Amino acid sequence: MFNCENPSDGLNQNESASICLYTMGWEPRQRCLYYVLNATLRNENRNKLKPWFSYLKLILTAPHKIPSEKAKIWRGATLNLSRQYEIRKGYVWWAFSSCTRALNVLESDQFLGKYGPRTLFNIECRNTKSIQSHS
């Protein structure tokens, strides 16, 4: 049973399902919804977003119903991005970014692991939204 069948936080089933679908993964990774959507969001051709409008309305409306929290979160990449990001400077990412409050989650082999080139982002959020109950 998916969490979106009886959603919490005042979300309707479609809003909760939009989050659930985004967080699902399968092989090949390049065909996952999150992968394709984020590639489209990063694309300079904004017309490519038109087929996504209905989905984007759901997934962008849903977080407004989820309580906000102040929290430190983590995001990682399996690349050395130190030359692209200055410490303590703000940046805008033009895609959704999955993050975690638990650093040990990123250190698992499923995500970053503990070896090889990688970048770890420590993000101080004033209005973070936990989607855990919808994914």
N, C-alpha and C. Protein backbone atom coordinates (compact mmCIF):
# COMPACT_ATOMS: atom_id res chain seq x y z
N MET A 1 0.85 -1.18 0.00
CA MET A 1 0.00 0.00 0.00
C MET A 1 0.89 1.24 0.00
N PHE A 2 0.58 2.19 -0.84
CA PHE A 2 1.33 3.44 -0.90
C PHE A 2 0.78 4.41 0.13
N ASN A 3 1.66 5.27 0.66
CA ASN A 3 1.25 6.27 1.64
C ASN A 3 0.23 7.25 1.07
N CYS A 4 0.19 7.40 -0.24
CA CYS A 4 -0.69 8.38 -0.86
C CYS A 4 -2.16 7.94 -0.87
N GLU A 5 -2.44 6.70 -0.51
CA GLU A 5 -3.83 6.23 -0.50
C GLU A 5 -4.62 6.85 0.64
N ASN A 6 -3.96 7.17 1.73
CA ASN A 6 -4.60 7.80 2.88
C ASN A 6 -3.64 8.88 3.39
N PRO A 7 -3.51 9.99 2.63
CA PRO A 7 -2.44 10.95 2.90
C PRO A 7 -2.62 11.74 4.20
N SER A 8 -1.49 12.15 4.74
CA SER A 8 -1.48 13.00 5.92
C SER A 8 -1.23 14.45 5.50
N ASP A 9 -1.12 15.31 6.47
CA ASP A 9 -0.78 16.73 6.27
C ASP A 9 -1.83 17.52 5.50
N GLY A 10 -3.04 17.00 5.35
CA GLY A 10 -4.08 17.72 4.62
C GLY A 10 -3.94 17.66 3.11
N LEU A 11 -3.04 16.83 2.61
CA LEU A 11 -2.89 16.67 1.17
C LEU A 11 -3.99 15.77 0.64
N ASN A 12 -4.42 16.03 -0.59
CA ASN A 12 -5.35 15.10 -1.22
C ASN A 12 -4.53 13.96 -1.85
N GLN A 13 -5.22 12.95 -2.34
CA GLN A 13 -4.51 11.78 -2.88
C GLN A 13 -3.61 12.14 -4.06
N ASN A 14 -4.07 13.03 -4.93
CA ASN A 14 -3.27 13.39 -6.09
C ASN A 14 -1.99 14.14 -5.70
N GLU A 15 -2.11 15.04 -4.73
CA GLU A 15 -0.92 15.77 -4.28
C GLU A 15 0.08 14.82 -3.63
N SER A 16 -0.42 13.94 -2.78
CA SER A 16 0.46 12.97 -2.12
C SER A 16 1.08 12.02 -3.15
N ALA A 17 0.28 11.59 -4.12
CA ALA A 17 0.78 10.69 -5.17
C ALA A 17 1.86 11.36 -6.01
N SER A 18 1.74 12.67 -6.23
CA SER A 18 2.77 13.37 -7.02
C SER A 18 4.12 13.30 -6.31
N ILE A 19 4.12 13.39 -4.99
CA ILE A 19 5.36 13.26 -4.22
C ILE A 19 5.86 11.82 -4.26
N CYS A 20 4.94 10.89 -4.06
CA CYS A 20 5.29 9.47 -4.07
C CYS A 20 5.94 9.08 -5.41
N LEU A 21 5.34 9.51 -6.50
CA LEU A 21 5.90 9.20 -7.83
C LEU A 21 7.29 9.81 -8.01
N TYR A 22 7.45 11.04 -7.55
CA TYR A 22 8.74 11.70 -7.69
C TYR A 22 9.84 10.93 -6.96
N THR A 23 9.52 10.40 -5.79
CA THR A 23 10.55 9.75 -4.97
C THR A 23 10.79 8.29 -5.34
N MET A 24 9.99 7.73 -6.22
CA MET A 24 10.19 6.33 -6.63
C MET A 24 11.38 6.22 -7.58
N GLY A 25 12.09 5.14 -7.46
CA GLY A 25 13.22 4.91 -8.35
C GLY A 25 13.13 3.53 -8.98
N TRP A 26 13.68 3.39 -10.16
CA TRP A 26 13.73 2.11 -10.86
C TRP A 26 14.89 2.15 -11.84
N GLU A 27 15.14 1.05 -12.46
CA GLU A 27 16.23 0.95 -13.45
C GLU A 27 15.65 0.91 -14.85
N PRO A 28 16.28 1.51 -15.81
CA PRO A 28 17.45 2.38 -15.65
C PRO A 28 17.05 3.70 -15.00
N ARG A 29 17.95 4.24 -14.23
CA ARG A 29 17.70 5.48 -13.48
C ARG A 29 17.29 6.63 -14.40
N GLN A 30 17.83 6.65 -15.62
CA GLN A 30 17.55 7.74 -16.56
C GLN A 30 16.09 7.78 -17.00
N ARG A 31 15.31 6.76 -16.64
CA ARG A 31 13.89 6.75 -17.00
C ARG A 31 13.00 7.04 -15.80
N CYS A 32 13.60 7.24 -14.63
CA CYS A 32 12.82 7.59 -13.44
C CYS A 32 12.18 8.96 -13.62
N LEU A 33 11.00 9.13 -13.05
CA LEU A 33 10.30 10.40 -13.16
C LEU A 33 11.18 11.55 -12.66
N TYR A 34 11.81 11.39 -11.49
CA TYR A 34 12.61 12.48 -10.94
C TYR A 34 13.77 12.85 -11.86
N TYR A 35 14.36 11.87 -12.50
CA TYR A 35 15.50 12.11 -13.38
C TYR A 35 15.06 12.91 -14.62
N VAL A 36 13.99 12.47 -15.25
CA VAL A 36 13.49 13.12 -16.47
C VAL A 36 12.98 14.53 -16.15
N LEU A 37 12.22 14.66 -15.07
CA LEU A 37 11.69 15.97 -14.69
C LEU A 37 12.82 16.95 -14.38
N ASN A 38 13.79 16.54 -13.59
CA ASN A 38 14.88 17.45 -13.24
C ASN A 38 15.72 17.83 -14.46
N ALA A 39 15.92 16.91 -15.38
CA ALA A 39 16.64 17.25 -16.62
C ALA A 39 15.85 18.30 -17.41
N THR A 40 14.54 18.17 -17.41
CA THR A 40 13.69 19.14 -18.11
C THR A 40 13.72 20.49 -17.42
N LEU A 41 13.69 20.50 -16.09
CA LEU A 41 13.75 21.76 -15.35
C LEU A 41 15.08 22.49 -15.57
N ARG A 42 16.15 21.75 -15.77
CA ARG A 42 17.46 22.36 -15.99
C ARG A 42 17.66 22.81 -17.45
N ASN A 43 16.81 22.37 -18.33
CA ASN A 43 16.93 22.68 -19.75
C ASN A 43 16.58 24.15 -19.99
N GLU A 44 17.35 24.81 -20.83
CA GLU A 44 17.10 26.23 -21.13
C GLU A 44 15.82 26.44 -21.92
N ASN A 45 15.38 25.44 -22.66
CA ASN A 45 14.16 25.55 -23.45
C ASN A 45 12.95 25.33 -22.55
N ARG A 46 12.35 26.41 -22.07
CA ARG A 46 11.23 26.34 -21.13
C ARG A 46 9.98 25.72 -21.75
N ASN A 47 9.88 25.69 -23.08
CA ASN A 47 8.73 25.06 -23.73
C ASN A 47 8.66 23.56 -23.43
N LYS A 48 9.79 22.97 -23.11
CA LYS A 48 9.80 21.53 -22.80
C LYS A 48 9.08 21.22 -21.49
N LEU A 49 8.78 22.25 -20.71
CA LEU A 49 8.06 22.05 -19.45
C LEU A 49 6.55 21.94 -19.63
N LYS A 50 6.03 22.36 -20.77
CA LYS A 50 4.57 22.37 -20.97
C LYS A 50 3.90 21.04 -20.66
N PRO A 51 4.43 19.91 -21.10
CA PRO A 51 3.76 18.64 -20.78
C PRO A 51 3.75 18.33 -19.27
N TRP A 52 4.57 19.01 -18.52
CA TRP A 52 4.68 18.76 -17.08
C TRP A 52 3.79 19.67 -16.24
N PHE A 53 3.10 20.63 -16.83
CA PHE A 53 2.38 21.65 -16.07
C PHE A 53 1.40 21.08 -15.05
N SER A 54 0.59 20.11 -15.43
CA SER A 54 -0.39 19.55 -14.48
C SER A 54 0.31 18.87 -13.31
N TYR A 55 1.34 18.12 -13.61
CA TYR A 55 2.10 17.45 -12.55
C TYR A 55 2.78 18.48 -11.65
N LEU A 56 3.39 19.49 -12.25
CA LEU A 56 4.07 20.52 -11.47
C LEU A 56 3.11 21.26 -10.56
N LYS A 57 1.89 21.49 -11.03
CA LYS A 57 0.89 22.15 -10.17
C LYS A 57 0.65 21.33 -8.91
N LEU A 58 0.53 20.02 -9.06
CA LEU A 58 0.31 19.15 -7.89
C LEU A 58 1.51 19.15 -6.95
N ILE A 59 2.68 18.91 -7.49
CA ILE A 59 3.86 18.75 -6.63
C ILE A 59 4.34 20.08 -6.04
N LEU A 60 3.97 21.19 -6.66
CA LEU A 60 4.33 22.49 -6.10
C LEU A 60 3.28 23.01 -5.12
N THR A 61 2.05 22.54 -5.24
CA THR A 61 0.98 22.92 -4.31
C THR A 61 1.09 22.14 -3.01
N ALA A 62 1.43 20.87 -3.11
CA ALA A 62 1.47 19.99 -1.94
C ALA A 62 2.32 20.51 -0.78
N PRO A 63 3.54 20.98 -1.00
CA PRO A 63 4.36 21.41 0.14
C PRO A 63 3.77 22.56 0.95
N HIS A 64 2.92 23.37 0.34
CA HIS A 64 2.31 24.47 1.08
C HIS A 64 1.40 23.97 2.20
N LYS A 65 0.94 22.74 2.09
CA LYS A 65 0.07 22.16 3.11
C LYS A 65 0.86 21.43 4.20
N ILE A 66 2.11 21.13 3.93
CA ILE A 66 2.95 20.41 4.88
C ILE A 66 3.57 21.42 5.85
N PRO A 67 3.55 21.13 7.15
CA PRO A 67 4.12 22.09 8.11
C PRO A 67 5.59 22.39 7.82
N SER A 68 5.95 23.66 8.00
CA SER A 68 7.34 24.10 7.82
C SER A 68 8.13 23.84 9.08
N GLU A 69 9.40 23.55 8.90
CA GLU A 69 10.29 23.33 10.02
C GLU A 69 11.63 23.99 9.71
N LYS A 70 12.30 24.44 10.74
CA LYS A 70 13.67 24.93 10.61
C LYS A 70 14.56 23.72 10.86
N ALA A 71 15.48 23.45 9.94
CA ALA A 71 16.31 22.25 10.09
C ALA A 71 17.60 22.37 9.29
N LYS A 72 18.58 21.59 9.70
CA LYS A 72 19.82 21.42 8.93
C LYS A 72 19.63 20.15 8.11
N ILE A 73 19.82 20.27 6.81
CA ILE A 73 19.67 19.11 5.93
C ILE A 73 20.94 18.89 5.12
N TRP A 74 21.03 17.71 4.52
CA TRP A 74 22.22 17.32 3.77
C TRP A 74 21.84 16.91 2.36
N ARG A 75 22.71 17.27 1.43
CA ARG A 75 22.56 16.88 0.03
C ARG A 75 23.95 16.50 -0.45
N GLY A 76 24.05 15.48 -1.26
CA GLY A 76 25.36 15.06 -1.72
C GLY A 76 25.40 14.79 -3.21
N ALA A 77 26.60 14.81 -3.75
CA ALA A 77 26.82 14.48 -5.16
C ALA A 77 28.11 13.67 -5.26
N THR A 78 28.14 12.73 -6.18
CA THR A 78 29.33 11.88 -6.36
C THR A 78 30.32 12.53 -7.33
N LEU A 79 30.52 13.81 -7.15
CA LEU A 79 31.47 14.61 -7.94
C LEU A 79 32.15 15.59 -7.00
N ASN A 80 33.32 16.06 -7.37
CA ASN A 80 33.97 17.13 -6.64
C ASN A 80 33.48 18.45 -7.23
N LEU A 81 32.59 19.13 -6.53
CA LEU A 81 32.01 20.38 -7.02
C LEU A 81 32.57 21.60 -6.29
N SER A 82 33.70 21.45 -5.62
CA SER A 82 34.24 22.52 -4.78
C SER A 82 34.58 23.79 -5.56
N ARG A 83 34.91 23.67 -6.82
CA ARG A 83 35.23 24.86 -7.62
C ARG A 83 33.98 25.60 -8.08
N GLN A 84 32.84 24.92 -8.06
CA GLN A 84 31.60 25.54 -8.53
C GLN A 84 30.78 26.18 -7.41
N TYR A 85 31.10 25.85 -6.16
CA TYR A 85 30.32 26.35 -5.03
C TYR A 85 31.22 26.99 -3.99
N GLU A 86 30.96 28.26 -3.72
CA GLU A 86 31.68 28.99 -2.69
C GLU A 86 30.97 28.76 -1.35
N ILE A 87 31.72 28.47 -0.32
CA ILE A 87 31.14 28.21 1.01
C ILE A 87 30.43 29.46 1.52
N ARG A 88 29.27 29.26 2.12
CA ARG A 88 28.42 30.28 2.73
C ARG A 88 27.79 31.23 1.72
N LYS A 89 27.78 30.88 0.48
CA LYS A 89 27.12 31.68 -0.55
C LYS A 89 25.82 30.99 -0.93
N GLY A 90 24.78 31.77 -1.23
CA GLY A 90 23.49 31.20 -1.61
C GLY A 90 23.44 30.86 -3.09
N TYR A 91 22.73 29.79 -3.40
CA TYR A 91 22.60 29.34 -4.79
C TYR A 91 21.15 28.93 -5.06
N VAL A 92 20.75 29.02 -6.32
CA VAL A 92 19.44 28.54 -6.75
C VAL A 92 19.66 27.31 -7.60
N TRP A 93 19.00 26.23 -7.24
CA TRP A 93 19.04 25.01 -8.04
C TRP A 93 17.72 24.94 -8.80
N TRP A 94 17.76 24.81 -10.12
CA TRP A 94 16.57 24.85 -10.96
C TRP A 94 15.94 23.48 -11.11
N ALA A 95 16.02 22.69 -10.09
CA ALA A 95 15.40 21.37 -10.10
C ALA A 95 15.07 21.01 -8.66
N PHE A 96 14.31 19.96 -8.48
CA PHE A 96 14.03 19.46 -7.14
C PHE A 96 15.29 18.77 -6.62
N SER A 97 15.51 18.85 -5.34
CA SER A 97 16.69 18.22 -4.74
C SER A 97 16.27 17.42 -3.53
N SER A 98 16.47 16.13 -3.60
CA SER A 98 16.19 15.27 -2.45
C SER A 98 17.31 15.46 -1.44
N CYS A 99 16.91 15.67 -0.20
CA CYS A 99 17.85 15.89 0.88
C CYS A 99 17.47 15.01 2.06
N THR A 100 18.33 14.98 3.06
CA THR A 100 18.06 14.18 4.26
C THR A 100 18.54 14.94 5.49
N ARG A 101 17.92 14.63 6.62
CA ARG A 101 18.39 15.18 7.89
C ARG A 101 19.48 14.30 8.50
N ALA A 102 19.59 13.08 8.01
CA ALA A 102 20.53 12.11 8.58
C ALA A 102 21.73 11.92 7.67
N LEU A 103 22.87 12.41 8.11
CA LEU A 103 24.09 12.31 7.32
C LEU A 103 24.45 10.86 7.00
N ASN A 104 24.18 9.94 7.93
CA ASN A 104 24.53 8.54 7.69
C ASN A 104 23.75 7.94 6.51
N VAL A 105 22.60 8.51 6.17
CA VAL A 105 21.85 8.04 5.00
C VAL A 105 22.67 8.30 3.74
N LEU A 106 23.28 9.47 3.63
CA LEU A 106 24.09 9.79 2.46
C LEU A 106 25.35 8.94 2.38
N GLU A 107 25.86 8.52 3.51
CA GLU A 107 27.08 7.72 3.53
C GLU A 107 26.85 6.26 3.15
N SER A 108 25.60 5.87 2.97
CA SER A 108 25.32 4.49 2.57
C SER A 108 25.72 4.29 1.11
N ASP A 109 26.00 3.05 0.73
CA ASP A 109 26.41 2.75 -0.64
C ASP A 109 25.32 3.06 -1.66
N GLN A 110 24.07 3.11 -1.23
CA GLN A 110 22.96 3.42 -2.12
C GLN A 110 23.05 4.86 -2.64
N PHE A 111 23.67 5.75 -1.86
CA PHE A 111 23.75 7.15 -2.24
C PHE A 111 25.20 7.55 -2.52
N LEU A 112 25.88 8.17 -1.58
CA LEU A 112 27.25 8.64 -1.82
C LEU A 112 28.32 7.62 -1.51
N GLY A 113 28.09 6.80 -0.52
CA GLY A 113 29.15 5.94 -0.04
C GLY A 113 30.15 6.75 0.77
N LYS A 114 31.27 6.15 1.09
CA LYS A 114 32.28 6.83 1.91
C LYS A 114 33.58 7.08 1.16
N TYR A 115 33.69 6.61 -0.07
CA TYR A 115 34.96 6.70 -0.79
C TYR A 115 34.76 7.32 -2.17
N GLY A 116 35.83 7.92 -2.68
CA GLY A 116 35.80 8.51 -4.00
C GLY A 116 35.44 9.98 -3.95
N PRO A 117 35.49 10.64 -5.11
CA PRO A 117 35.16 12.07 -5.15
C PRO A 117 33.68 12.28 -4.85
N ARG A 118 33.41 13.27 -4.02
CA ARG A 118 32.03 13.63 -3.73
C ARG A 118 32.00 15.00 -3.06
N THR A 119 30.82 15.60 -3.10
CA THR A 119 30.59 16.89 -2.47
C THR A 119 29.41 16.74 -1.53
N LEU A 120 29.55 17.27 -0.34
CA LEU A 120 28.50 17.21 0.66
C LEU A 120 28.03 18.63 0.95
N PHE A 121 26.74 18.88 0.77
CA PHE A 121 26.16 20.18 1.05
C PHE A 121 25.47 20.12 2.41
N ASN A 122 25.79 21.07 3.28
CA ASN A 122 25.13 21.23 4.57
C ASN A 122 24.26 22.47 4.42
N ILE A 123 22.96 22.30 4.43
CA ILE A 123 22.04 23.39 4.12
C ILE A 123 21.22 23.75 5.36
N GLU A 124 21.26 25.03 5.72
CA GLU A 124 20.45 25.53 6.84
C GLU A 124 19.13 26.04 6.25
N CYS A 125 18.04 25.37 6.59
CA CYS A 125 16.73 25.72 6.04
C CYS A 125 15.85 26.40 7.08
N ARG A 126 15.17 27.43 6.64
CA ARG A 126 14.19 28.09 7.51
C ARG A 126 12.80 27.50 7.34
N ASN A 127 12.53 26.98 6.15
CA ASN A 127 11.19 26.47 5.84
C ASN A 127 11.25 25.12 5.13
N THR A 128 11.89 24.16 5.74
CA THR A 128 11.98 22.85 5.10
C THR A 128 10.66 22.11 5.25
N LYS A 129 10.39 21.21 4.33
CA LYS A 129 9.17 20.41 4.34
C LYS A 129 9.56 18.94 4.32
N SER A 130 9.10 18.19 5.30
CA SER A 130 9.38 16.76 5.31
C SER A 130 8.31 16.04 4.49
N ILE A 131 8.75 15.33 3.45
CA ILE A 131 7.82 14.58 2.60
C ILE A 131 7.86 13.09 2.91
N GLN A 132 8.51 12.74 4.00
CA GLN A 132 8.71 11.33 4.34
C GLN A 132 7.41 10.54 4.38
N SER A 133 6.35 11.11 4.89
CA SER A 133 5.09 10.36 4.98
C SER A 133 4.37 10.24 3.64
N HIS A 134 4.93 10.83 2.60
CA HIS A 134 4.32 10.76 1.26
C HIS A 134 5.23 10.04 0.26
N SER A 135 6.35 9.51 0.74
CA SER A 135 7.27 8.85 -0.19
C SER A 135 7.48 7.40 0.19
